[in-house]
């Protein structure tokens, strides 16, 4: 179970009104208690996720006070309904079951699954074989999602990567800038070489990190589709694979992308779309470097977890840019 997060009196009142609405229109069993398990860092005052408990089951309630104006949760709920039908009959993959959308659009409700996320296992499992299976199952699930619509050919445009690297290196201490300059220059040169290379554009999750994939018993379950859209398939893969920095491995075990070979190979056991691996490896290295530089920004204060992650990123970057 995730840690409980405190709610202000205003938030308590708002959540109570949401629960009353949900209970009166859908849920027959009484909500006995609830826990806030997530609050957005970027939208701390408006976005949160709570678990609603009854005597027999639980639900996830997702809130966004800006959604009535933006339509963000309404769009996600409608997509969840479509994807739930799309995965119907799939033996290994599905999405969380959508339950209720508030007519006002301020919150939605889905089933809650008390199972570990992919990140829980990648970060914490002592069993390398178990972690390898997480990567295999993630590749299988994403392969199924990316098959929702026929892929189209699309030219790779690395400017988002090269511009952000140039900006980030300007905001780090002098010694870090000197340490990373060669890495940034390699990325700029390789970006120029890959610019315009054709790759696959598909219907994508848009935020496919390991916290948005639940490792169920027999099925792998996706959630959180607020960023879903058509884009290059490699970007979803990068979002997932970069969590691999939390696994131990010496330089010989790391491939040119910065990911452990065994875990990357397991991911592609069941991910079968013919993506361009030069672009994939370039984007993974770029994301690792961007994340590392972001944690070194002079106006950024790292948490204990972020300090640990910064160290792990530095280790991988040294291995891949050696």
C-alpha atoms as a PDB file:
ATOM      1  CA  UNK A   1       0.000   0.000   0.000  1.00  0.00           C
ATOM      2  CA  UNK A   2       1.292   3.463  -0.878  1.00  0.00           C
ATOM      3  CA  UNK A   3       1.898   5.974   1.891  1.00  0.00           C
ATOM      4  CA  UNK A   4      -1.074   8.047   2.948  1.00  0.00           C
ATOM      5  CA  UNK A   5      -0.864  11.754   2.189  1.00  0.00           C
ATOM      6  CA  UNK A   6      -2.557  14.468   4.265  1.00  0.00           C
ATOM      7  CA  UNK A   7      -5.493  16.487   2.940  1.00  0.00           C
ATOM      8  CA  UNK A   8      -6.404  20.049   3.865  1.00  0.00           C
ATOM      9  CA  UNK A   9      -9.836  20.844   5.283  1.00  0.00           C
ATOM     10  CA  UNK A  10     -10.857  22.197   1.872  1.00  0.00           C
ATOM     11  CA  UNK A  11      -9.683  19.024   0.151  1.00  0.00           C
ATOM     12  CA  UNK A  12     -11.451  16.865   2.739  1.00  0.00           C
ATOM     13  CA  UNK A  13     -14.716  18.681   2.054  1.00  0.00           C
ATOM     14  CA  UNK A  14     -14.272  18.334  -1.696  1.00  0.00           C
ATOM     15  CA  UNK A  15     -13.458  14.629  -1.505  1.00  0.00           C
ATOM     16  CA  UNK A  16     -16.453  14.037   0.771  1.00  0.00           C
ATOM     17  CA  UNK A  17     -18.731  15.636  -1.814  1.00  0.00           C
ATOM     18  CA  UNK A  18     -17.203  13.454  -4.545  1.00  0.00           C
ATOM     19  CA  UNK A  19     -17.746  10.304  -2.476  1.00  0.00           C
ATOM     20  CA  UNK A  20     -21.349  11.301  -1.750  1.00  0.00           C
ATOM     21  CA  UNK A  21     -21.982  11.777  -5.466  1.00  0.00           C
ATOM     22  CA  UNK A  22     -20.330   8.486  -6.411  1.00  0.00           C
ATOM     23  CA  UNK A  23     -22.188   6.572  -3.691  1.00  0.00           C
ATOM     24  CA  UNK A  24     -25.583   8.027  -4.549  1.00  0.00           C
ATOM     25  CA  UNK A  25     -25.264   7.412  -8.300  1.00  0.00           C
ATOM     26  CA  UNK A  26     -23.313   4.171  -8.511  1.00  0.00           C
ATOM     27  CA  UNK A  27     -21.923   2.477  -5.414  1.00  0.00           C
ATOM     28  CA  UNK A  28     -24.314   0.579  -3.166  1.00  0.00           C
ATOM     29  CA  UNK A  29     -21.811  -0.538  -0.503  1.00  0.00           C
ATOM     30  CA  UNK A  30     -20.850   2.163   1.968  1.00  0.00           C
ATOM     31  CA  UNK A  31     -17.421   3.773   1.636  1.00  0.00           C
ATOM     32  CA  UNK A  32     -15.884   2.990   5.016  1.00  0.00           C
ATOM     33  CA  UNK A  33     -12.712   5.067   4.652  1.00  0.00           C
ATOM     34  CA  UNK A  34     -10.352   6.546   2.094  1.00  0.00           C
ATOM     35  CA  UNK A  35      -6.626   7.260   1.680  1.00  0.00           C
ATOM     36  CA  UNK A  36      -4.873   9.795  -0.509  1.00  0.00           C
ATOM     37  CA  UNK A  37      -1.965   7.932  -2.128  1.00  0.00           C
ATOM     38  CA  UNK A  38      -0.809  10.370  -4.818  1.00  0.00           C
ATOM     39  CA  UNK A  39      -0.497  14.102  -5.275  1.00  0.00           C
ATOM     40  CA  UNK A  40       0.929  15.612  -8.452  1.00  0.00           C
ATOM     41  CA  UNK A  41       4.245  17.419  -7.944  1.00  0.00           C
ATOM     42  CA  UNK A  42       3.554  19.808 -10.815  1.00  0.00           C
ATOM     43  CA  UNK A  43      -0.153  20.304  -9.956  1.00  0.00           C
ATOM     44  CA  UNK A  44      -0.121  19.769  -6.203  1.00  0.00           C
ATOM     45  CA  UNK A  45      -3.223  21.857  -5.526  1.00  0.00           C
ATOM     46  CA  UNK A  46      -5.432  20.334  -8.205  1.00  0.00           C
ATOM     47  CA  UNK A  47      -4.546  16.687  -8.967  1.00  0.00           C
ATOM     48  CA  UNK A  48      -4.634  13.698  -6.638  1.00  0.00           C
ATOM     49  CA  UNK A  49      -5.544  10.006  -6.448  1.00  0.00           C
ATOM     50  CA  UNK A  50      -7.402   8.428  -3.531  1.00  0.00           C
ATOM     51  CA  UNK A  51      -8.354   4.876  -2.652  1.00  0.00           C
ATOM     52  CA  UNK A  52     -11.961   4.391  -1.556  1.00  0.00           C
ATOM     53  CA  UNK A  53     -12.539   1.344   0.643  1.00  0.00           C
ATOM     54  CA  UNK A  54     -15.746  -0.602   1.166  1.00  0.00           C
ATOM     55  CA  UNK A  55     -16.184  -3.777   3.197  1.00  0.00           C
ATOM     56  CA  UNK A  56     -15.623  -5.947   0.116  1.00  0.00           C
ATOM     57  CA  UNK A  57     -13.598  -3.986  -2.459  1.00  0.00           C
ATOM     58  CA  UNK A  58     -11.807  -0.753  -3.283  1.00  0.00           C
ATOM     59  CA  UNK A  59     -11.884   1.923  -5.957  1.00  0.00           C
ATOM     60  CA  UNK A  60      -9.390   4.502  -7.215  1.00  0.00           C
ATOM     61  CA  UNK A  61     -10.759   8.053  -7.334  1.00  0.00           C
ATOM     62  CA  UNK A  62      -8.780  10.470  -9.520  1.00  0.00           C
ATOM     63  CA  UNK A  63      -9.376  14.200  -9.072  1.00  0.00           C
ATOM     64  CA  UNK A  64      -8.480  17.287 -11.069  1.00  0.00           C
ATOM     65  CA  UNK A  65     -10.123  20.564 -10.068  1.00  0.00           C
ATOM     66  CA  UNK A  66      -9.192  22.095 -13.451  1.00  0.00           C
ATOM     67  CA  UNK A  67     -10.689  19.240 -15.450  1.00  0.00           C
ATOM     68  CA  UNK A  68     -14.229  20.650 -15.709  1.00  0.00           C
ATOM     69  CA  UNK A  69     -12.736  23.412 -17.870  1.00  0.00           C
ATOM     70  CA  UNK A  70     -10.040  21.400 -19.679  1.00  0.00           C
ATOM     71  CA  UNK A  71     -11.931  18.126 -20.197  1.00  0.00           C
ATOM     72  CA  UNK A  72      -8.833  16.191 -19.128  1.00  0.00           C
ATOM     73  CA  UNK A  73     -10.535  13.500 -17.041  1.00  0.00           C
ATOM     74  CA  UNK A  74     -13.558  13.237 -19.336  1.00  0.00           C
ATOM     75  CA  UNK A  75     -11.222  12.508 -22.245  1.00  0.00           C
ATOM     76  CA  UNK A  76      -9.290   9.944 -20.216  1.00  0.00           C
ATOM     77  CA  UNK A  77     -12.440   8.166 -19.047  1.00  0.00           C
ATOM     78  CA  UNK A  78     -13.821   7.918 -22.582  1.00  0.00           C
ATOM     79  CA  UNK A  79     -10.495   6.536 -23.793  1.00  0.00           C
ATOM     80  CA  UNK A  80     -10.437   4.019 -20.925  1.00  0.00           C
ATOM     81  CA  UNK A  81     -13.859   2.766 -22.013  1.00  0.00           C
ATOM     82  CA  UNK A  82     -12.575   2.305 -25.583  1.00  0.00           C
ATOM     83  CA  UNK A  83      -9.365   0.608 -24.450  1.00  0.00           C
ATOM     84  CA  UNK A  84     -11.188  -1.686 -22.036  1.00  0.00           C
ATOM     85  CA  UNK A  85     -13.246  -2.913 -25.000  1.00  0.00           C
ATOM     86  CA  UNK A  86     -10.142  -3.059 -27.216  1.00  0.00           C
ATOM     87  CA  UNK A  87      -8.355  -5.418 -24.813  1.00  0.00           C
ATOM     88  CA  UNK A  88     -11.442  -7.586 -24.266  1.00  0.00           C
ATOM     89  CA  UNK A  89     -10.470 -11.199 -24.895  1.00  0.00           C
ATOM     90  CA  UNK A  90      -6.725 -10.520 -24.620  1.00  0.00           C
ATOM     91  CA  UNK A  91      -5.198 -13.263 -22.485  1.00  0.00           C
ATOM     92  CA  UNK A  92      -2.344 -11.200 -21.023  1.00  0.00           C
ATOM     93  CA  UNK A  93      -3.078  -7.468 -21.330  1.00  0.00           C
ATOM     94  CA  UNK A  94      -5.795  -5.057 -20.295  1.00  0.00           C
ATOM     95  CA  UNK A  95      -6.397  -1.649 -18.720  1.00  0.00           C
ATOM     96  CA  UNK A  96      -8.023  -0.744 -15.417  1.00  0.00           C
ATOM     97  CA  UNK A  97     -11.796  -1.020 -15.545  1.00  0.00           C
ATOM     98  CA  UNK A  98     -13.492   2.392 -15.764  1.00  0.00           C
ATOM     99  CA  UNK A  99     -16.342   2.693 -13.245  1.00  0.00           C
ATOM    100  CA  UNK A 100     -17.703   6.227 -13.027  1.00  0.00           C
ATOM    101  CA  UNK A 101     -17.207   9.703 -14.487  1.00  0.00           C
ATOM    102  CA  UNK A 102     -18.644  12.669 -12.650  1.00  0.00           C
ATOM    103  CA  UNK A 103     -21.002  14.614 -14.952  1.00  0.00           C
ATOM    104  CA  UNK A 104     -19.109  17.738 -13.892  1.00  0.00           C
ATOM    105  CA  UNK A 105     -15.812  16.200 -15.013  1.00  0.00           C
ATOM    106  CA  UNK A 106     -13.906  16.915 -11.768  1.00  0.00           C
ATOM    107  CA  UNK A 107     -13.254  13.263 -10.927  1.00  0.00           C
ATOM    108  CA  UNK A 108     -13.376   9.743 -12.280  1.00  0.00           C
ATOM    109  CA  UNK A 109     -13.417   6.339 -10.604  1.00  0.00           C
ATOM    110  CA  UNK A 110     -11.813   3.075 -11.689  1.00  0.00           C
ATOM    111  CA  UNK A 111     -11.282  -0.288 -10.071  1.00  0.00           C
ATOM    112  CA  UNK A 112      -8.375  -0.416  -7.623  1.00  0.00           C
ATOM    113  CA  UNK A 113      -5.954  -3.320  -7.881  1.00  0.00           C
ATOM    114  CA  UNK A 114      -3.873  -4.123  -4.819  1.00  0.00           C
ATOM    115  CA  UNK A 115      -0.946  -5.458  -6.825  1.00  0.00           C
ATOM    116  CA  UNK A 116       2.632  -4.185  -7.257  1.00  0.00           C
ATOM    117  CA  UNK A 117       3.464  -1.820 -10.065  1.00  0.00           C
ATOM    118  CA  UNK A 118       6.335  -2.541 -12.423  1.00  0.00           C
ATOM    119  CA  UNK A 119       8.386   0.118 -10.630  1.00  0.00           C
ATOM    120  CA  UNK A 120       7.798  -1.509  -7.243  1.00  0.00           C
ATOM    121  CA  UNK A 121       9.490  -4.659  -8.531  1.00  0.00           C
ATOM    122  CA  UNK A 122      12.192  -3.003 -10.650  1.00  0.00           C
ATOM    123  CA  UNK A 123      13.285  -0.805  -7.756  1.00  0.00           C
ATOM    124  CA  UNK A 124      13.025  -3.329  -4.947  1.00  0.00           C
ATOM    125  CA  UNK A 125      13.002  -6.975  -6.023  1.00  0.00           C
ATOM    126  CA  UNK A 126      16.129  -8.983  -5.123  1.00  0.00           C
ATOM    127  CA  UNK A 127      15.213 -11.535  -7.804  1.00  0.00           C
ATOM    128  CA  UNK A 128      16.758 -10.722 -11.207  1.00  0.00           C
ATOM    129  CA  UNK A 129      14.581 -13.330 -12.907  1.00  0.00           C
ATOM    130  CA  UNK A 130      11.433 -11.700 -11.514  1.00  0.00           C
ATOM    131  CA  UNK A 131      12.594  -8.306 -12.782  1.00  0.00           C
ATOM    132  CA  UNK A 132      13.374  -9.781 -16.196  1.00  0.00           C
ATOM    133  CA  UNK A 133       9.803 -11.082 -16.373  1.00  0.00           C
ATOM    134  CA  UNK A 134       8.507  -7.597 -15.559  1.00  0.00           C
ATOM    135  CA  UNK A 135      10.354  -6.282 -18.616  1.00  0.00           C
ATOM    136  CA  UNK A 136       9.020  -9.123 -20.756  1.00  0.00           C
ATOM    137  CA  UNK A 137       5.444  -8.453 -19.641  1.00  0.00           C
ATOM    138  CA  UNK A 138       5.832  -4.710 -20.167  1.00  0.00           C
ATOM    139  CA  UNK A 139       7.038  -5.300 -23.722  1.00  0.00           C
ATOM    140  CA  UNK A 140       4.086  -7.570 -24.389  1.00  0.00           C
ATOM    141  CA  UNK A 141       1.563  -5.045 -23.016  1.00  0.00           C
ATOM    142  CA  UNK A 142       3.036  -2.159 -24.992  1.00  0.00           C
ATOM    143  CA  UNK A 143       3.156  -4.264 -28.142  1.00  0.00           C
ATOM    144  CA  UNK A 144      -0.590  -4.816 -27.799  1.00  0.00           C
ATOM    145  CA  UNK A 145      -1.314  -1.129 -27.153  1.00  0.00           C
ATOM    146  CA  UNK A 146       0.807   0.025 -30.097  1.00  0.00           C
ATOM    147  CA  UNK A 147      -1.164  -2.338 -32.352  1.00  0.00           C
ATOM    148  CA  UNK A 148      -4.425  -0.473 -31.667  1.00  0.00           C
ATOM    149  CA  UNK A 149      -4.094   1.487 -34.940  1.00  0.00           C
ATOM    150  CA  UNK A 150      -1.916   0.795 -37.998  1.00  0.00           C
ATOM    151  CA  UNK A 151       1.479   2.508 -37.598  1.00  0.00           C
ATOM    152  CA  UNK A 152       2.617   5.217 -39.974  1.00  0.00           C
ATOM    153  CA  UNK A 153       6.100   6.224 -41.063  1.00  0.00           C
ATOM    154  CA  UNK A 154       7.310   9.466 -39.507  1.00  0.00           C
ATOM    155  CA  UNK A 155      10.603  11.362 -39.654  1.00  0.00           C
ATOM    156  CA  UNK A 156      12.567  11.616 -36.403  1.00  0.00           C
ATOM    157  CA  UNK A 157      13.072  15.173 -35.178  1.00  0.00           C
ATOM    158  CA  UNK A 158      15.637  15.382 -32.366  1.00  0.00           C
ATOM    159  CA  UNK A 159      15.356  19.109 -31.718  1.00  0.00           C
ATOM    160  CA  UNK A 160      13.374  18.599 -28.481  1.00  0.00           C
ATOM    161  CA  UNK A 161      16.354  16.624 -27.205  1.00  0.00           C
ATOM    162  CA  UNK A 162      19.192  18.814 -28.437  1.00  0.00           C
ATOM    163  CA  UNK A 163      17.578  22.102 -27.402  1.00  0.00           C
ATOM    164  CA  UNK A 164      16.819  20.850 -23.893  1.00  0.00           C
ATOM    165  CA  UNK A 165      20.373  19.516 -23.435  1.00  0.00           C
ATOM    166  CA  UNK A 166      21.785  22.897 -24.455  1.00  0.00           C
ATOM    167  CA  UNK A 167      19.491  24.623 -21.963  1.00  0.00           C
ATOM    168  CA  UNK A 168      20.212  22.204 -19.126  1.00  0.00           C
ATOM    169  CA  UNK A 169      23.995  22.367 -19.375  1.00  0.00           C
ATOM    170  CA  UNK A 170      23.794  26.153 -18.897  1.00  0.00           C
ATOM    171  CA  UNK A 171      22.151  25.715 -15.483  1.00  0.00           C
ATOM    172  CA  UNK A 172      24.573  23.325 -13.760  1.00  0.00           C
ATOM    173  CA  UNK A 173      27.718  24.027 -11.687  1.00  0.00           C
ATOM    174  CA  UNK A 174      30.927  24.591 -13.656  1.00  0.00           C
ATOM    175  CA  UNK A 175      32.499  21.225 -12.829  1.00  0.00           C
ATOM    176  CA  UNK A 176      29.352  19.338 -13.882  1.00  0.00           C
ATOM    177  CA  UNK A 177      29.199  21.338 -17.117  1.00  0.00           C
ATOM    178  CA  UNK A 178      32.811  20.395 -17.858  1.00  0.00           C
ATOM    179  CA  UNK A 179      32.130  16.766 -16.986  1.00  0.00           C
ATOM    180  CA  UNK A 180      29.066  16.556 -19.212  1.00  0.00           C
ATOM    181  CA  UNK A 181      30.152  18.693 -22.188  1.00  0.00           C
ATOM    182  CA  UNK A 182      31.603  15.782 -24.153  1.00  0.00           C
ATOM    183  CA  UNK A 183      28.439  13.769 -23.561  1.00  0.00           C
ATOM    184  CA  UNK A 184      26.245  16.629 -24.739  1.00  0.00           C
ATOM    185  CA  UNK A 185      28.421  17.153 -27.828  1.00  0.00           C
ATOM    186  CA  UNK A 186      28.100  13.460 -28.703  1.00  0.00           C
ATOM    187  CA  UNK A 187      24.324  13.760 -28.453  1.00  0.00           C
ATOM    188  CA  UNK A 188      24.245  16.885 -30.619  1.00  0.00           C
ATOM    189  CA  UNK A 189      26.331  15.241 -33.339  1.00  0.00           C
ATOM    190  CA  UNK A 190      24.323  12.024 -33.297  1.00  0.00           C
ATOM    191  CA  UNK A 191      21.067  13.963 -33.348  1.00  0.00           C
ATOM    192  CA  UNK A 192      22.199  15.728 -36.518  1.00  0.00           C
ATOM    193  CA  UNK A 193      23.012  12.352 -38.084  1.00  0.00           C
ATOM    194  CA  UNK A 194      19.645  10.804 -37.186  1.00  0.00           C
ATOM    195  CA  UNK A 195      17.505  13.814 -38.106  1.00  0.00           C
ATOM    196  CA  UNK A 196      14.921  12.848 -40.714  1.00  0.00           C
ATOM    197  CA  UNK A 197      15.366   9.096 -40.251  1.00  0.00           C
ATOM    198  CA  UNK A 198      12.070   7.291 -40.711  1.00  0.00           C
ATOM    199  CA  UNK A 199      10.549   5.470 -37.755  1.00  0.00           C
ATOM    200  CA  UNK A 200       7.135   4.239 -36.554  1.00  0.00           C
ATOM    201  CA  UNK A 201       4.480   6.607 -35.230  1.00  0.00           C
ATOM    202  CA  UNK A 202       1.735   4.799 -33.288  1.00  0.00           C
ATOM    203  CA  UNK A 203      -1.037   5.336 -30.768  1.00  0.00           C
ATOM    204  CA  UNK A 204       1.030   5.754 -27.596  1.00  0.00           C
ATOM    205  CA  UNK A 205       0.454   5.755 -23.852  1.00  0.00           C
ATOM    206  CA  UNK A 206       2.333   9.038 -23.519  1.00  0.00           C
ATOM    207  CA  UNK A 207       3.483   8.511 -19.912  1.00  0.00           C
ATOM    208  CA  UNK A 208       4.573   4.887 -19.873  1.00  0.00           C
ATOM    209  CA  UNK A 209       6.691   4.781 -16.740  1.00  0.00           C
ATOM    210  CA  UNK A 210       6.603   1.762 -14.475  1.00  0.00           C
ATOM    211  CA  UNK A 211       4.127   3.235 -11.985  1.00  0.00           C
ATOM    212  CA  UNK A 212       1.490   3.149 -14.716  1.00  0.00           C
ATOM    213  CA  UNK A 213       1.743  -0.589 -15.251  1.00  0.00           C
ATOM    214  CA  UNK A 214       0.366  -3.069 -12.712  1.00  0.00           C
ATOM    215  CA  UNK A 215       1.772  -6.578 -12.594  1.00  0.00           C
ATOM    216  CA  UNK A 216      -1.344  -8.634 -11.963  1.00  0.00           C
ATOM    217  CA  UNK A 217      -1.787 -12.355 -11.544  1.00  0.00           C
ATOM    218  CA  UNK A 218      -1.840 -13.553 -15.134  1.00  0.00           C
ATOM    219  CA  UNK A 219      -2.472 -10.136 -16.700  1.00  0.00           C
ATOM    220  CA  UNK A 220      -0.549  -6.894 -17.034  1.00  0.00           C
ATOM    221  CA  UNK A 221      -2.758  -3.839 -16.546  1.00  0.00           C
ATOM    222  CA  UNK A 222      -2.183  -0.297 -17.782  1.00  0.00           C
ATOM    223  CA  UNK A 223      -3.506   2.896 -16.221  1.00  0.00           C
ATOM    224  CA  UNK A 224      -3.288   6.716 -16.430  1.00  0.00           C
ATOM    225  CA  UNK A 225      -3.943   7.643 -20.058  1.00  0.00           C
ATOM    226  CA  UNK A 226      -4.184  11.441 -19.755  1.00  0.00           C
ATOM    227  CA  UNK A 227      -1.153  11.906 -22.047  1.00  0.00           C
ATOM    228  CA  UNK A 228      -2.141   9.324 -24.688  1.00  0.00           C
ATOM    229  CA  UNK A 229      -1.688  10.426 -28.294  1.00  0.00           C
ATOM    230  CA  UNK A 230      -0.013   9.472 -31.580  1.00  0.00           C
ATOM    231  CA  UNK A 231       3.786   9.786 -31.490  1.00  0.00           C
ATOM    232  CA  UNK A 232       6.932   7.775 -32.187  1.00  0.00           C
ATOM    233  CA  UNK A 233       6.717   4.336 -30.591  1.00  0.00           C
ATOM    234  CA  UNK A 234      10.229   4.627 -29.169  1.00  0.00           C
ATOM    235  CA  UNK A 235       9.173   7.336 -26.702  1.00  0.00           C
ATOM    236  CA  UNK A 236       6.945   4.963 -24.711  1.00  0.00           C
ATOM    237  CA  UNK A 237       9.756   2.418 -24.689  1.00  0.00           C
ATOM    238  CA  UNK A 238      12.247   5.000 -23.408  1.00  0.00           C
ATOM    239  CA  UNK A 239       9.886   6.037 -20.597  1.00  0.00           C
ATOM    240  CA  UNK A 240       9.748   2.473 -19.348  1.00  0.00           C
ATOM    241  CA  UNK A 241      13.305   1.268 -19.899  1.00  0.00           C
ATOM    242  CA  UNK A 242      15.017   4.181 -18.160  1.00  0.00           C
ATOM    243  CA  UNK A 243      13.939   2.862 -14.733  1.00  0.00           C
ATOM    244  CA  UNK A 244      16.552   0.125 -15.329  1.00  0.00           C
ATOM    245  CA  UNK A 245      19.192   2.375 -13.693  1.00  0.00           C
ATOM    246  CA  UNK A 246      17.955   1.011 -10.343  1.00  0.00           C
ATOM    247  CA  UNK A 247      19.286  -2.451 -11.194  1.00  0.00           C
ATOM    248  CA  UNK A 248      22.931  -3.347 -10.581  1.00  0.00           C
ATOM    249  CA  UNK A 249      25.247  -4.175 -13.459  1.00  0.00           C
ATOM    250  CA  UNK A 250      28.859  -3.589 -14.464  1.00  0.00           C
ATOM    251  CA  UNK A 251      29.915  -1.893 -17.678  1.00  0.00           C
ATOM    252  CA  UNK A 252      29.999  -5.131 -19.648  1.00  0.00           C
ATOM    253  CA  UNK A 253      26.324  -5.754 -18.806  1.00  0.00           C
ATOM    254  CA  UNK A 254      25.192  -2.349 -20.149  1.00  0.00           C
ATOM    255  CA  UNK A 255      24.507  -1.853 -23.849  1.00  0.00           C
ATOM    256  CA  UNK A 256      25.053   1.331 -25.870  1.00  0.00           C
ATOM    257  CA  UNK A 257      21.694   2.759 -24.802  1.00  0.00           C
ATOM    258  CA  UNK A 258      22.617   2.688 -21.094  1.00  0.00           C
ATOM    259  CA  UNK A 259      20.245  -0.185 -20.266  1.00  0.00           C
ATOM    260  CA  UNK A 260      21.211  -3.615 -18.945  1.00  0.00           C
ATOM    261  CA  UNK A 261      21.300  -5.986 -21.897  1.00  0.00           C
ATOM    262  CA  UNK A 262      19.347  -8.734 -20.127  1.00  0.00           C
ATOM    263  CA  UNK A 263      16.404  -6.457 -19.299  1.00  0.00           C
ATOM    264  CA  UNK A 264      16.319  -4.760 -22.686  1.00  0.00           C
ATOM    265  CA  UNK A 265      16.437  -8.160 -24.407  1.00  0.00           C
ATOM    266  CA  UNK A 266      13.541  -9.382 -22.255  1.00  0.00           C
ATOM    267  CA  UNK A 267      11.458  -6.330 -23.162  1.00  0.00           C
ATOM    268  CA  UNK A 268      11.902  -7.095 -26.865  1.00  0.00           C
ATOM    269  CA  UNK A 269      11.042 -10.768 -26.504  1.00  0.00           C
ATOM    270  CA  UNK A 270       7.382  -9.847 -27.016  1.00  0.00           C
ATOM    271  CA  UNK A 271       7.557  -6.294 -28.359  1.00  0.00           C
ATOM    272  CA  UNK A 272       7.542  -6.965 -32.103  1.00  0.00           C
ATOM    273  CA  UNK A 273       6.950  -3.630 -33.879  1.00  0.00           C
ATOM    274  CA  UNK A 274       9.908  -2.844 -36.176  1.00  0.00           C
ATOM    275  CA  UNK A 275      11.212   0.337 -34.551  1.00  0.00           C
ATOM    276  CA  UNK A 276      14.550   1.952 -35.394  1.00  0.00           C
ATOM    277  CA  UNK A 277      16.967   0.870 -32.650  1.00  0.00           C
ATOM    278  CA  UNK A 278      19.484   3.599 -33.441  1.00  0.00           C
ATOM    279  CA  UNK A 279      16.810   6.170 -32.606  1.00  0.00           C
ATOM    280  CA  UNK A 280      15.736   4.220 -29.537  1.00  0.00           C
ATOM    281  CA  UNK A 281      19.258   3.992 -28.132  1.00  0.00           C
ATOM    282  CA  UNK A 282      19.884   7.657 -28.860  1.00  0.00           C
ATOM    283  CA  UNK A 283      16.700   8.697 -27.057  1.00  0.00           C
ATOM    284  CA  UNK A 284      17.417   6.527 -24.001  1.00  0.00           C
ATOM    285  CA  UNK A 285      20.925   7.984 -23.626  1.00  0.00           C
ATOM    286  CA  UNK A 286      19.488  11.456 -24.068  1.00  0.00           C
ATOM    287  CA  UNK A 287      16.824  10.923 -21.399  1.00  0.00           C
ATOM    288  CA  UNK A 288      19.363   9.589 -18.907  1.00  0.00           C
ATOM    289  CA  UNK A 289      21.616  12.586 -19.559  1.00  0.00           C
ATOM    290  CA  UNK A 290      18.716  15.039 -19.351  1.00  0.00           C
ATOM    291  CA  UNK A 291      17.535  13.577 -16.055  1.00  0.00           C
ATOM    292  CA  UNK A 292      21.047  13.766 -14.608  1.00  0.00           C
ATOM    293  CA  UNK A 293      21.542  17.389 -15.672  1.00  0.00           C
ATOM    294  CA  UNK A 294      18.096  18.312 -14.327  1.00  0.00           C
ATOM    295  CA  UNK A 295      19.070  17.040 -10.874  1.00  0.00           C
ATOM    296  CA  UNK A 296      22.208  19.211 -11.016  1.00  0.00           C
ATOM    297  CA  UNK A 297      20.416  22.489 -11.809  1.00  0.00           C
ATOM    298  CA  UNK A 298      21.613  25.163  -9.408  1.00  0.00           C
ATOM    299  CA  UNK A 299      18.029  26.159  -8.580  1.00  0.00           C
ATOM    300  CA  UNK A 300      16.901  22.552  -7.903  1.00  0.00           C
ATOM    301  CA  UNK A 301      17.013  20.922  -4.465  1.00  0.00           C
ATOM    302  CA  UNK A 302      17.195  17.127  -4.586  1.00  0.00           C
ATOM    303  CA  UNK A 303      15.259  14.926  -2.201  1.00  0.00           C
ATOM    304  CA  UNK A 304      17.037  11.916  -0.699  1.00  0.00           C
ATOM    305  CA  UNK A 305      15.538   9.713  -3.412  1.00  0.00           C
ATOM    306  CA  UNK A 306      16.622  12.137  -6.152  1.00  0.00           C
ATOM    307  CA  UNK A 307      20.172  12.242  -4.783  1.00  0.00           C
ATOM    308  CA  UNK A 308      20.281   8.455  -5.009  1.00  0.00           C
ATOM    309  CA  UNK A 309      18.876   8.556  -8.538  1.00  0.00           C
ATOM    310  CA  UNK A 310      21.401  11.210  -9.560  1.00  0.00           C
ATOM    311  CA  UNK A 311      24.220   8.924  -8.455  1.00  0.00           C
ATOM    312  CA  UNK A 312      22.782   5.960 -10.343  1.00  0.00           C
ATOM    313  CA  UNK A 313      22.378   8.078 -13.472  1.00  0.00           C
ATOM    314  CA  UNK A 314      25.997   9.223 -13.263  1.00  0.00           C
ATOM    315  CA  UNK A 315      27.177   5.620 -13.026  1.00  0.00           C
ATOM    316  CA  UNK A 316      25.224   4.580 -16.124  1.00  0.00           C
ATOM    317  CA  UNK A 317      26.303   7.645 -18.098  1.00  0.00           C
ATOM    318  CA  UNK A 318      29.953   6.922 -17.362  1.00  0.00           C
ATOM    319  CA  UNK A 319      29.431   3.330 -18.508  1.00  0.00           C
ATOM    320  CA  UNK A 320      27.738   4.259 -21.780  1.00  0.00           C
ATOM    321  CA  UNK A 321      29.861   7.304 -22.707  1.00  0.00           C
ATOM    322  CA  UNK A 322      33.174   5.776 -21.652  1.00  0.00           C
END
